[in-house]
Amino acid sequence: MKYFIDHKSKRIHSQQFAGDSCGFVSTPIAYREFTNCPAYVKRLIEDENYSKCTNCVSAPTKLHKKSIS
């Protein structure tokens, strides 16, 4: 699954980067949903006032190489 939807807080997480800092651990299972459908996610954001998790959005997408001294 590509997206984790938290219906309690109305936030959409990237499954790849979701972690404890996102706060979804406290969300009851009945309010959790997983999906691969970007159209569904887009509809939730545009029509249902859901938002993307700022922790997942700001997660690094590339590994940084350490410089050799």
N, C-alpha and C. Protein backbone atom coordinates (compact mmCIF):
# COMPACT_ATOMS: atom_id res chain seq x y z
N MET A 1 0.83 -1.19 0.00
CA MET A 1 0.00 0.00 0.00
C MET A 1 0.88 1.25 0.00
N LYS A 2 0.44 2.23 -0.72
CA LYS A 2 1.23 3.45 -0.88
C LYS A 2 0.84 4.53 0.14
N TYR A 3 -0.44 4.57 0.52
CA TYR A 3 -0.92 5.61 1.43
C TYR A 3 -1.57 5.01 2.66
N PHE A 4 -1.37 5.67 3.78
CA PHE A 4 -2.05 5.32 5.02
C PHE A 4 -2.94 6.51 5.36
N ILE A 5 -4.23 6.26 5.49
CA ILE A 5 -5.19 7.33 5.75
C ILE A 5 -5.66 7.23 7.20
N ASP A 6 -5.50 8.32 7.90
CA ASP A 6 -5.94 8.43 9.30
C ASP A 6 -7.24 9.23 9.28
N HIS A 7 -8.36 8.53 9.40
CA HIS A 7 -9.66 9.20 9.34
C HIS A 7 -9.98 9.96 10.62
N LYS A 8 -9.31 9.65 11.71
CA LYS A 8 -9.54 10.37 12.96
C LYS A 8 -8.99 11.79 12.89
N SER A 9 -7.76 11.93 12.40
CA SER A 9 -7.14 13.26 12.31
C SER A 9 -7.23 13.86 10.91
N LYS A 10 -7.81 13.11 9.96
CA LYS A 10 -7.96 13.54 8.57
C LYS A 10 -6.60 13.87 7.94
N ARG A 11 -5.64 12.96 8.16
CA ARG A 11 -4.32 13.12 7.57
C ARG A 11 -3.98 11.91 6.70
N ILE A 12 -3.23 12.18 5.66
CA ILE A 12 -2.80 11.15 4.74
C ILE A 12 -1.28 11.04 4.85
N HIS A 13 -0.83 9.81 5.11
CA HIS A 13 0.58 9.55 5.31
C HIS A 13 1.14 8.76 4.13
N SER A 14 2.39 8.97 3.87
CA SER A 14 3.11 8.15 2.90
C SER A 14 3.58 6.93 3.68
N GLN A 15 3.16 5.74 3.26
CA GLN A 15 3.51 4.55 4.01
C GLN A 15 5.03 4.38 4.09
N GLN A 16 5.73 4.80 3.07
CA GLN A 16 7.18 4.65 3.04
C GLN A 16 7.86 5.46 4.14
N PHE A 17 7.31 6.63 4.50
CA PHE A 17 7.97 7.51 5.46
C PHE A 17 7.23 7.66 6.79
N ALA A 18 6.07 7.05 6.93
CA ALA A 18 5.29 7.19 8.16
C ALA A 18 6.04 6.58 9.34
N GLY A 19 5.99 7.27 10.46
CA GLY A 19 6.68 6.80 11.66
C GLY A 19 6.02 7.32 12.91
N ASP A 20 6.66 7.10 14.04
CA ASP A 20 6.10 7.52 15.33
C ASP A 20 5.84 9.02 15.39
N SER A 21 6.65 9.81 14.71
CA SER A 21 6.49 11.26 14.76
C SER A 21 5.20 11.73 14.08
N CYS A 22 4.58 10.86 13.30
CA CYS A 22 3.34 11.21 12.62
C CYS A 22 2.13 11.16 13.56
N GLY A 23 2.25 10.42 14.64
CA GLY A 23 1.17 10.36 15.62
C GLY A 23 0.05 9.40 15.30
N PHE A 24 0.19 8.58 14.27
CA PHE A 24 -0.91 7.69 13.91
C PHE A 24 -0.99 6.46 14.79
N VAL A 25 0.01 6.22 15.61
CA VAL A 25 0.02 5.05 16.48
C VAL A 25 -1.17 5.07 17.44
N SER A 26 -1.58 6.26 17.84
CA SER A 26 -2.70 6.38 18.77
C SER A 26 -4.06 6.33 18.09
N THR A 27 -4.08 6.28 16.77
CA THR A 27 -5.35 6.22 16.03
C THR A 27 -5.93 4.81 16.12
N PRO A 28 -7.18 4.67 16.55
CA PRO A 28 -7.79 3.35 16.62
C PRO A 28 -7.84 2.68 15.24
N ILE A 29 -7.73 1.38 15.21
CA ILE A 29 -7.70 0.62 13.96
C ILE A 29 -8.94 0.91 13.11
N ALA A 30 -10.06 1.14 13.73
CA ALA A 30 -11.30 1.41 12.99
C ALA A 30 -11.21 2.69 12.16
N TYR A 31 -10.27 3.57 12.48
CA TYR A 31 -10.12 4.83 11.76
C TYR A 31 -8.93 4.83 10.80
N ARG A 32 -8.33 3.66 10.58
CA ARG A 32 -7.17 3.54 9.69
C ARG A 32 -7.58 2.89 8.37
N GLU A 33 -6.95 3.35 7.30
CA GLU A 33 -7.21 2.76 5.99
C GLU A 33 -5.92 2.82 5.17
N PHE A 34 -5.70 1.79 4.36
CA PHE A 34 -4.55 1.75 3.47
C PHE A 34 -5.07 1.70 2.03
N THR A 35 -4.39 2.41 1.14
CA THR A 35 -4.82 2.44 -0.26
C THR A 35 -3.64 2.68 -1.19
N ASN A 36 -3.80 2.29 -2.42
CA ASN A 36 -2.83 2.57 -3.48
C ASN A 36 -3.40 3.56 -4.49
N CYS A 37 -4.58 4.08 -4.24
CA CYS A 37 -5.32 4.88 -5.22
C CYS A 37 -5.08 6.39 -5.05
N PRO A 38 -4.24 6.99 -5.90
CA PRO A 38 -3.99 8.42 -5.79
C PRO A 38 -5.24 9.27 -6.06
N ALA A 39 -6.17 8.79 -6.89
CA ALA A 39 -7.40 9.54 -7.16
C ALA A 39 -8.26 9.64 -5.90
N TYR A 40 -8.31 8.58 -5.13
CA TYR A 40 -9.06 8.57 -3.87
C TYR A 40 -8.43 9.55 -2.87
N VAL A 41 -7.11 9.54 -2.78
CA VAL A 41 -6.39 10.44 -1.90
C VAL A 41 -6.64 11.89 -2.32
N LYS A 42 -6.58 12.15 -3.60
CA LYS A 42 -6.82 13.50 -4.13
C LYS A 42 -8.24 13.97 -3.78
N ARG A 43 -9.22 13.07 -3.90
CA ARG A 43 -10.60 13.42 -3.57
C ARG A 43 -10.74 13.76 -2.09
N LEU A 44 -10.09 12.99 -1.23
CA LEU A 44 -10.14 13.27 0.21
C LEU A 44 -9.56 14.65 0.52
N ILE A 45 -8.46 14.98 -0.14
CA ILE A 45 -7.82 16.28 0.10
C ILE A 45 -8.69 17.42 -0.43
N GLU A 46 -9.21 17.28 -1.63
CA GLU A 46 -9.97 18.37 -2.25
C GLU A 46 -11.41 18.49 -1.73
N ASP A 47 -12.07 17.37 -1.45
CA ASP A 47 -13.49 17.41 -1.11
C ASP A 47 -13.79 17.21 0.38
N GLU A 48 -12.88 16.55 1.09
CA GLU A 48 -13.17 16.19 2.49
C GLU A 48 -12.25 16.90 3.49
N ASN A 49 -11.46 17.84 3.02
CA ASN A 49 -10.55 18.62 3.87
C ASN A 49 -9.50 17.79 4.60
N TYR A 50 -9.03 16.72 3.97
CA TYR A 50 -7.91 15.96 4.53
C TYR A 50 -6.63 16.69 4.13
N SER A 51 -5.55 16.41 4.84
CA SER A 51 -4.27 17.03 4.51
C SER A 51 -3.18 15.97 4.53
N LYS A 52 -2.10 16.26 3.82
CA LYS A 52 -0.96 15.35 3.84
C LYS A 52 -0.17 15.60 5.12
N CYS A 53 0.32 14.55 5.71
CA CYS A 53 1.11 14.65 6.93
C CYS A 53 2.41 15.41 6.64
N THR A 54 2.68 16.43 7.42
CA THR A 54 3.89 17.23 7.20
C THR A 54 5.15 16.44 7.51
N ASN A 55 5.07 15.47 8.42
CA ASN A 55 6.25 14.64 8.72
C ASN A 55 6.61 13.75 7.54
N CYS A 56 5.60 13.21 6.88
CA CYS A 56 5.85 12.34 5.73
C CYS A 56 6.31 13.14 4.51
N VAL A 57 5.75 14.30 4.33
CA VAL A 57 6.09 15.13 3.18
C VAL A 57 7.53 15.64 3.29
N SER A 58 7.96 15.97 4.50
CA SER A 58 9.31 16.52 4.68
C SER A 58 10.36 15.43 4.87
N ALA A 59 9.97 14.16 4.80
CA ALA A 59 10.94 13.07 4.95
C ALA A 59 11.93 13.10 3.79
N PRO A 60 13.16 12.77 4.07
CA PRO A 60 14.17 12.77 3.00
C PRO A 60 13.84 11.70 1.96
N THR A 61 14.02 12.06 0.70
CA THR A 61 13.74 11.12 -0.37
C THR A 61 15.01 10.56 -0.99
N LYS A 62 16.14 11.10 -0.61
CA LYS A 62 17.42 10.62 -1.13
C LYS A 62 18.38 10.42 0.02
N LEU A 63 19.23 9.45 -0.10
CA LEU A 63 20.28 9.26 0.90
C LEU A 63 21.43 10.21 0.57
N HIS A 64 21.91 10.84 1.59
CA HIS A 64 23.04 11.76 1.41
C HIS A 64 24.33 10.99 1.70
N LYS A 65 25.30 11.13 0.80
CA LYS A 65 26.59 10.47 0.99
C LYS A 65 27.42 11.28 1.97
N LYS A 66 28.09 10.57 2.85
CA LYS A 66 29.00 11.25 3.77
C LYS A 66 30.25 11.64 3.00
N SER A 67 30.73 12.82 3.27
CA SER A 67 31.96 13.24 2.61
C SER A 67 33.15 12.56 3.26
N ILE A 68 34.08 12.18 2.45
CA ILE A 68 35.27 11.49 2.94
C ILE A 68 36.31 12.56 3.29
N SER A 69 36.78 12.49 4.52
CA SER A 69 37.76 13.47 5.00
C SER A 69 39.15 13.10 4.58
